[in-house]
Amino acid sequence: MWNEPYLESCCRSALHRLKLSGHDGRPTGLRDDPCLRRLEGMGLACRGQDERFALTEQGHARHRTEILKLPT
């Protein structure tokens, strides 16, 4: 049974862009900022001291299952 919160397509795209950004992360103030803040609220992203968004371990796992469609 599905027990994870639903991600809108825009937030799934933001999750993928965040993964592609690697260790550098994504800066605030971009067009996907509202989605990145949503991901942060869900525990999938976090902001460092430099205010750039980065994936959390939970975000990496969600990207693996939701974007890459790999088994858990």
Protein backbone atom coordinates (compact mmCIF):
# COMPACT_ATOMS: atom_id res chain seq x y z
CA MET A 1 0.00 0.00 0.00
CA TRP A 2 1.18 3.49 -0.85
CA ASN A 3 1.98 5.38 2.34
CA GLU A 4 4.06 8.32 1.10
CA PRO A 5 2.62 11.79 0.46
CA TYR A 6 1.78 12.49 -3.18
CA LEU A 7 4.22 14.63 -5.15
CA GLU A 8 2.80 16.91 -7.84
CA SER A 9 4.56 16.66 -11.18
CA CYS A 10 6.26 20.02 -10.60
CA CYS A 11 7.65 18.78 -7.29
CA ARG A 12 8.83 15.52 -8.86
CA SER A 13 10.68 17.61 -11.45
CA ALA A 14 12.20 19.76 -8.69
CA LEU A 15 13.26 16.60 -6.85
CA HIS A 16 15.00 15.36 -10.00
CA ARG A 17 16.71 18.72 -10.64
CA LEU A 18 17.86 18.70 -7.03
CA LYS A 19 19.35 15.23 -7.52
CA LEU A 20 21.09 16.38 -10.71
CA SER A 21 22.59 19.38 -8.91
CA GLY A 22 24.66 17.02 -6.75
CA HIS A 23 26.57 18.31 -3.76
CA ASP A 24 26.32 21.92 -4.95
CA GLY A 25 22.56 21.93 -4.40
CA ARG A 26 20.08 24.47 -5.79
CA PRO A 27 19.99 28.13 -4.78
CA THR A 28 16.89 29.82 -3.42
CA GLY A 29 14.95 32.26 -5.56
CA LEU A 30 14.55 30.08 -8.65
CA ARG A 31 11.20 29.26 -10.28
CA ASP A 32 11.06 25.90 -8.47
CA ASP A 33 11.57 27.52 -5.06
CA PRO A 34 7.98 26.78 -3.88
CA CYS A 35 8.45 23.09 -4.74
CA LEU A 36 11.85 22.98 -3.05
CA ARG A 37 10.27 24.47 0.08
CA ARG A 38 7.54 21.80 -0.10
CA LEU A 39 10.21 19.11 -0.42
CA GLU A 40 11.98 20.64 2.56
CA GLY A 41 8.77 20.48 4.58
CA MET A 42 8.40 16.80 3.69
CA GLY A 43 11.96 16.06 4.82
CA LEU A 44 13.17 15.32 1.28
CA ALA A 45 15.39 18.40 1.07
CA CYS A 46 17.20 20.67 3.48
CA ARG A 47 18.94 24.02 3.33
CA GLY A 48 22.53 24.46 4.36
CA GLN A 49 24.18 27.51 5.85
CA ASP A 50 24.65 28.86 2.33
CA GLU A 51 20.83 28.73 1.87
CA ARG A 52 21.14 26.20 -0.99
CA PHE A 53 18.77 23.26 -1.10
CA ALA A 54 20.24 19.76 -0.98
CA LEU A 55 18.72 16.28 -0.92
CA THR A 56 18.42 14.44 2.36
CA GLU A 57 18.83 10.67 2.66
CA GLN A 58 15.04 10.42 2.57
CA GLY A 59 15.09 12.54 -0.61
CA HIS A 60 17.60 10.21 -2.24
CA ALA A 61 15.40 7.23 -1.39
CA ARG A 62 12.27 8.95 -2.73
CA HIS A 63 14.08 9.89 -5.96
CA ARG A 64 15.13 6.27 -6.36
CA THR A 65 11.57 4.94 -6.06
CA GLU A 66 9.55 7.79 -7.59
CA ILE A 67 11.78 9.06 -10.41
CA LEU A 68 13.99 6.10 -11.26
CA LYS A 69 11.24 3.55 -10.45
CA LEU A 70 13.74 1.23 -8.77
CA PRO A 71 12.66 -1.21 -6.05
CA THR A 72 13.18 -0.20 -2.46
